[in-house]
Amino acid sequence: MNNYTYDSLTKEELKQLCRRPKMDFQSIFGQVDPIIHKVKQEGDAGINHFTHKFDGVSPNPLVINPTDREVSIDSDTKNAIDTAFD
């Protein structure tokens, strides 16, 4: 990872750093389409397959009811969530 000091960059360096890379969306779609297809066809089994493949875990159950869980967070975190929600 490279570090830069904004004040020391020339206009050309700043322009170069701010450029977005060109992306080949066709190749991205080629990788994503089979995932979407499998999940559409297999539902939860497809999600489990890719969760295991990409994340290395197999959650069981796949979905939980959050009201069944006891969660405790500090007041600063709760306030931040409430602020973000509003």
Protein backbone atom coordinates (compact mmCIF):
# COMPACT_ATOMS: atom_id res chain seq x y z
CA MET A 1 0.00 0.00 0.00
CA ASN A 2 1.32 3.38 -0.94
CA ASN A 3 0.97 6.46 1.24
CA TYR A 4 0.69 9.96 -0.17
CA THR A 5 0.61 13.38 1.42
CA TYR A 6 -2.10 15.41 -0.28
CA ASP A 7 -0.29 18.74 0.09
CA SER A 8 2.81 17.40 -1.65
CA LEU A 9 1.03 16.01 -4.73
CA THR A 10 1.13 17.85 -8.03
CA LYS A 11 -2.12 18.33 -9.92
CA GLU A 12 -1.09 15.61 -12.36
CA GLU A 13 -0.25 13.15 -9.54
CA LEU A 14 -3.60 13.87 -7.88
CA LYS A 15 -5.43 13.38 -11.18
CA GLN A 16 -3.59 10.10 -11.73
CA LEU A 17 -4.40 8.81 -8.24
CA CYS A 18 -8.09 9.73 -8.55
CA ARG A 19 -8.62 7.91 -11.84
CA ARG A 20 -10.83 4.87 -11.61
CA PRO A 21 -9.50 1.68 -13.16
CA LYS A 22 -11.20 0.49 -16.33
CA MET A 23 -13.18 -2.63 -15.60
CA ASP A 24 -14.08 -5.46 -17.90
CA PHE A 25 -17.70 -5.94 -16.86
CA GLN A 26 -18.17 -8.87 -19.21
CA SER A 27 -15.63 -10.92 -17.26
CA ILE A 28 -17.25 -9.88 -13.97
CA PHE A 29 -20.68 -10.93 -15.23
CA GLY A 30 -19.16 -14.19 -16.39
CA GLN A 31 -18.12 -14.91 -12.81
CA VAL A 32 -21.29 -13.61 -11.12
CA ASP A 33 -23.94 -15.08 -13.42
CA PRO A 34 -23.28 -18.73 -12.46
CA ILE A 35 -23.55 -17.77 -8.78
CA ILE A 36 -26.87 -16.01 -9.30
CA HIS A 37 -28.14 -18.91 -11.40
CA LYS A 38 -27.20 -21.52 -8.79
CA VAL A 39 -28.81 -19.54 -5.97
CA LYS A 40 -31.99 -19.02 -8.02
CA GLN A 41 -32.13 -22.74 -8.83
CA GLU A 42 -31.12 -24.15 -5.44
CA GLY A 43 -32.18 -21.45 -2.98
CA ASP A 44 -30.67 -21.90 0.47
CA ALA A 45 -28.54 -24.84 -0.71
CA GLY A 46 -26.94 -22.55 -3.29
CA ILE A 47 -26.30 -19.90 -0.66
CA ASN A 48 -24.78 -22.53 1.64
CA HIS A 49 -22.56 -23.75 -1.20
CA PHE A 50 -21.10 -20.31 -1.89
CA THR A 51 -20.89 -19.34 1.78
CA HIS A 52 -18.74 -22.41 2.33
CA LYS A 53 -16.74 -21.83 -0.87
CA PHE A 54 -15.98 -18.13 -0.28
CA ASP A 55 -16.13 -17.79 3.50
CA GLY A 56 -15.13 -21.28 4.57
CA VAL A 57 -18.12 -21.70 6.87
CA SER A 58 -21.42 -23.55 6.76
CA PRO A 59 -23.84 -21.70 9.01
CA ASN A 60 -26.51 -23.85 10.57
CA PRO A 61 -29.14 -22.56 10.70
CA LEU A 62 -28.69 -20.29 7.70
CA VAL A 63 -31.19 -17.75 9.06
CA ILE A 64 -31.98 -16.89 12.66
CA ASN A 65 -34.76 -14.93 14.26
CA PRO A 66 -33.03 -11.95 15.90
CA THR A 67 -35.70 -11.82 18.60
CA ASP A 68 -34.44 -15.22 19.79
CA ARG A 69 -31.02 -13.73 20.59
CA GLU A 70 -29.99 -11.75 23.64
CA VAL A 71 -27.75 -8.92 22.46
CA SER A 72 -25.98 -6.37 24.59
CA ILE A 73 -24.22 -3.29 23.19
CA ASP A 74 -22.74 -0.25 24.87
CA SER A 75 -24.66 3.04 24.79
CA ASP A 76 -22.23 4.74 22.36
CA THR A 77 -22.75 1.97 19.81
CA LYS A 78 -26.52 2.04 20.32
CA ASN A 79 -26.58 5.82 19.85
CA ALA A 80 -24.49 5.52 16.67
CA ILE A 81 -26.88 2.91 15.26
CA ASP A 82 -29.91 5.00 16.20
CA THR A 83 -28.36 8.09 14.59
CA ALA A 84 -27.54 6.17 11.40
CA PHE A 85 -31.03 4.70 11.28
CA ASP A 86 -32.73 8.07 11.60
